[in-house]
Amino acid sequence: MFDYQTSIHPHLDTAYRRFSLAHNLTAVAAAMGISAQVLRNKLNPDQPHRLTLQELIRLTDITDDSTVLDGLLAQLKCLPAVPVNEAKPDNLPMHALSATAAIGVSQSGKGV
C-alpha cells in the first residue's frame, strides 16, 4: 500500500499564485463557464472556496498548463505530471526521454 504524506511546504498555494500570475484569469474563467472573481477566489489560498477535481482538470485542459496539478502532486510528495498526448508508437523512446527530462526540469527549475 502506498503511504502518501502531505508536504509541510505550501506547494499548492505557491502553484496557485504562479498560475494566477501567468494567465489572464478573465479569459480562463470565461472558457470554464464561471466568473473571473469565482476563479480568483478558488486560486486564492486565503479564501474558503476551493477548486473541484473537475475544475482542476478543466483548468489544466484549457490552458495546457499543469502548474496547479504539479503543485497538488508536490504537496503529496509525488512527481510532476508529464503529458503523453503526443506519444505514439514510432516516437515512444524519444517521448520517454523527453518526459524524464521534463520531470528533472520541473523538480529543479519550477520551485514547486
Protein backbone atom coordinates (compact mmCIF):
# COMPACT_ATOMS: atom_id res chain seq x y z
CA MET A 1 0.00 0.00 0.00
CA PHE A 2 1.25 3.50 -0.75
CA ASP A 3 1.89 5.86 2.13
CA TYR A 4 1.13 9.34 0.80
CA GLN A 5 2.34 12.06 3.12
CA THR A 6 1.46 15.70 2.79
CA SER A 7 4.41 18.04 2.47
CA ILE A 8 4.83 20.75 5.09
CA HIS A 9 5.74 23.18 2.30
CA PRO A 10 2.93 25.16 0.65
CA HIS A 11 3.50 23.76 -2.86
CA LEU A 12 -0.16 24.03 -3.86
CA ASP A 13 -0.51 27.61 -2.60
CA THR A 14 2.64 28.58 -4.50
CA ALA A 15 1.31 26.89 -7.64
CA TYR A 16 -1.97 28.84 -7.34
CA ARG A 17 -0.05 32.11 -7.21
CA ARG A 18 2.23 31.22 -10.13
CA PHE A 19 -0.70 30.10 -12.26
CA SER A 20 -2.66 33.28 -11.47
CA LEU A 21 0.26 35.48 -12.48
CA ALA A 22 0.89 33.55 -15.70
CA HIS A 23 -2.65 33.64 -17.13
CA ASN A 24 -5.47 36.01 -17.98
CA LEU A 25 -7.94 34.70 -15.41
CA THR A 26 -10.84 36.55 -17.01
CA ALA A 27 -10.35 34.61 -20.25
CA VAL A 28 -9.72 31.31 -18.47
CA ALA A 29 -12.82 31.75 -16.30
CA ALA A 30 -14.94 32.53 -19.36
CA ALA A 31 -13.71 29.34 -21.03
CA MET A 32 -14.58 27.41 -17.87
CA GLY A 33 -18.04 28.95 -17.69
CA ILE A 34 -17.54 30.65 -14.32
CA SER A 35 -16.98 34.25 -13.31
CA ALA A 36 -13.47 35.63 -13.09
CA GLN A 37 -13.99 36.55 -9.43
CA VAL A 38 -15.01 33.00 -8.54
CA LEU A 39 -11.88 31.65 -10.26
CA ARG A 40 -9.69 34.22 -8.48
CA ASN A 41 -11.24 33.18 -5.15
CA LYS A 42 -10.62 29.50 -5.88
CA LEU A 43 -6.97 30.24 -6.69
CA ASN A 44 -6.51 32.32 -3.53
CA PRO A 45 -5.41 30.16 -0.58
CA ASP A 46 -6.84 32.74 1.83
CA GLN A 47 -10.38 32.24 0.50
CA PRO A 48 -12.66 29.40 1.63
CA HIS A 49 -13.55 28.48 -1.98
CA ARG A 50 -11.62 25.55 -3.50
CA LEU A 51 -11.21 24.11 -6.96
CA THR A 52 -13.09 20.88 -7.51
CA LEU A 53 -11.38 17.98 -9.21
CA GLN A 54 -13.42 18.60 -12.36
CA GLU A 55 -12.41 22.28 -12.34
CA LEU A 56 -8.74 21.36 -11.94
CA ILE A 57 -8.99 19.03 -14.93
CA ARG A 58 -10.78 21.68 -17.00
CA LEU A 59 -8.29 24.39 -15.94
CA THR A 60 -5.36 22.21 -16.99
CA ASP A 61 -7.05 21.21 -20.24
CA ILE A 62 -8.00 24.77 -21.24
CA THR A 63 -4.59 26.29 -20.52
CA ASP A 64 -2.30 23.32 -21.25
CA ASP A 65 -0.57 24.38 -18.02
CA SER A 66 -0.02 21.73 -15.36
CA THR A 67 1.26 24.18 -12.72
CA VAL A 68 -1.66 23.67 -10.31
CA LEU A 69 -1.72 19.90 -10.91
CA ASP A 70 2.05 19.74 -10.32
CA GLY A 71 1.62 21.79 -7.13
CA LEU A 72 -1.00 19.31 -5.91
CA LEU A 73 1.27 16.38 -6.70
CA ALA A 74 4.24 18.07 -4.99
CA GLN A 75 2.05 18.66 -1.93
CA LEU A 76 1.58 14.88 -1.84
CA LYS A 77 5.34 14.35 -2.39
CA CYS A 78 4.74 12.93 -5.88
CA LEU A 79 6.50 13.63 -9.17
CA PRO A 80 5.02 16.25 -11.50
CA ALA A 81 2.61 15.49 -14.32
CA VAL A 82 4.11 14.63 -17.69
CA PRO A 83 1.63 14.75 -20.58
CA VAL A 84 1.72 11.84 -23.01
CA ASN A 85 -0.69 13.34 -25.56
CA GLU A 86 1.96 13.33 -28.28
CA ALA A 87 3.28 9.83 -27.57
CA LYS A 88 2.92 7.44 -30.50
CA PRO A 89 4.48 4.02 -31.10
CA ASP A 90 7.02 5.44 -33.56
CA ASN A 91 8.25 8.20 -31.18
CA LEU A 92 7.83 6.46 -27.83
CA PRO A 93 11.56 6.21 -26.95
CA MET A 94 12.11 9.91 -27.67
CA HIS A 95 8.92 10.84 -25.80
CA ALA A 96 10.04 8.79 -22.78
CA LEU A 97 13.39 10.59 -22.74
CA SER A 98 11.65 13.97 -23.06
CA ALA A 99 9.28 13.09 -20.22
CA THR A 100 12.17 12.10 -17.99
CA ALA A 101 13.93 15.37 -18.78
CA ALA A 102 10.73 17.32 -18.07
CA ILE A 103 10.48 15.76 -14.62
CA GLY A 104 14.04 16.83 -13.84
CA VAL A 105 13.35 20.38 -15.01
CA SER A 106 10.09 20.50 -13.01
CA GLN A 107 11.79 19.43 -9.84
CA SER A 108 14.69 21.84 -10.09
CA GLY A 109 13.54 24.74 -12.26
CA LYS A 110 9.97 25.47 -11.19
CA GLY A 111 10.49 25.68 -7.47
CA VAL A 112 7.27 23.76 -6.79
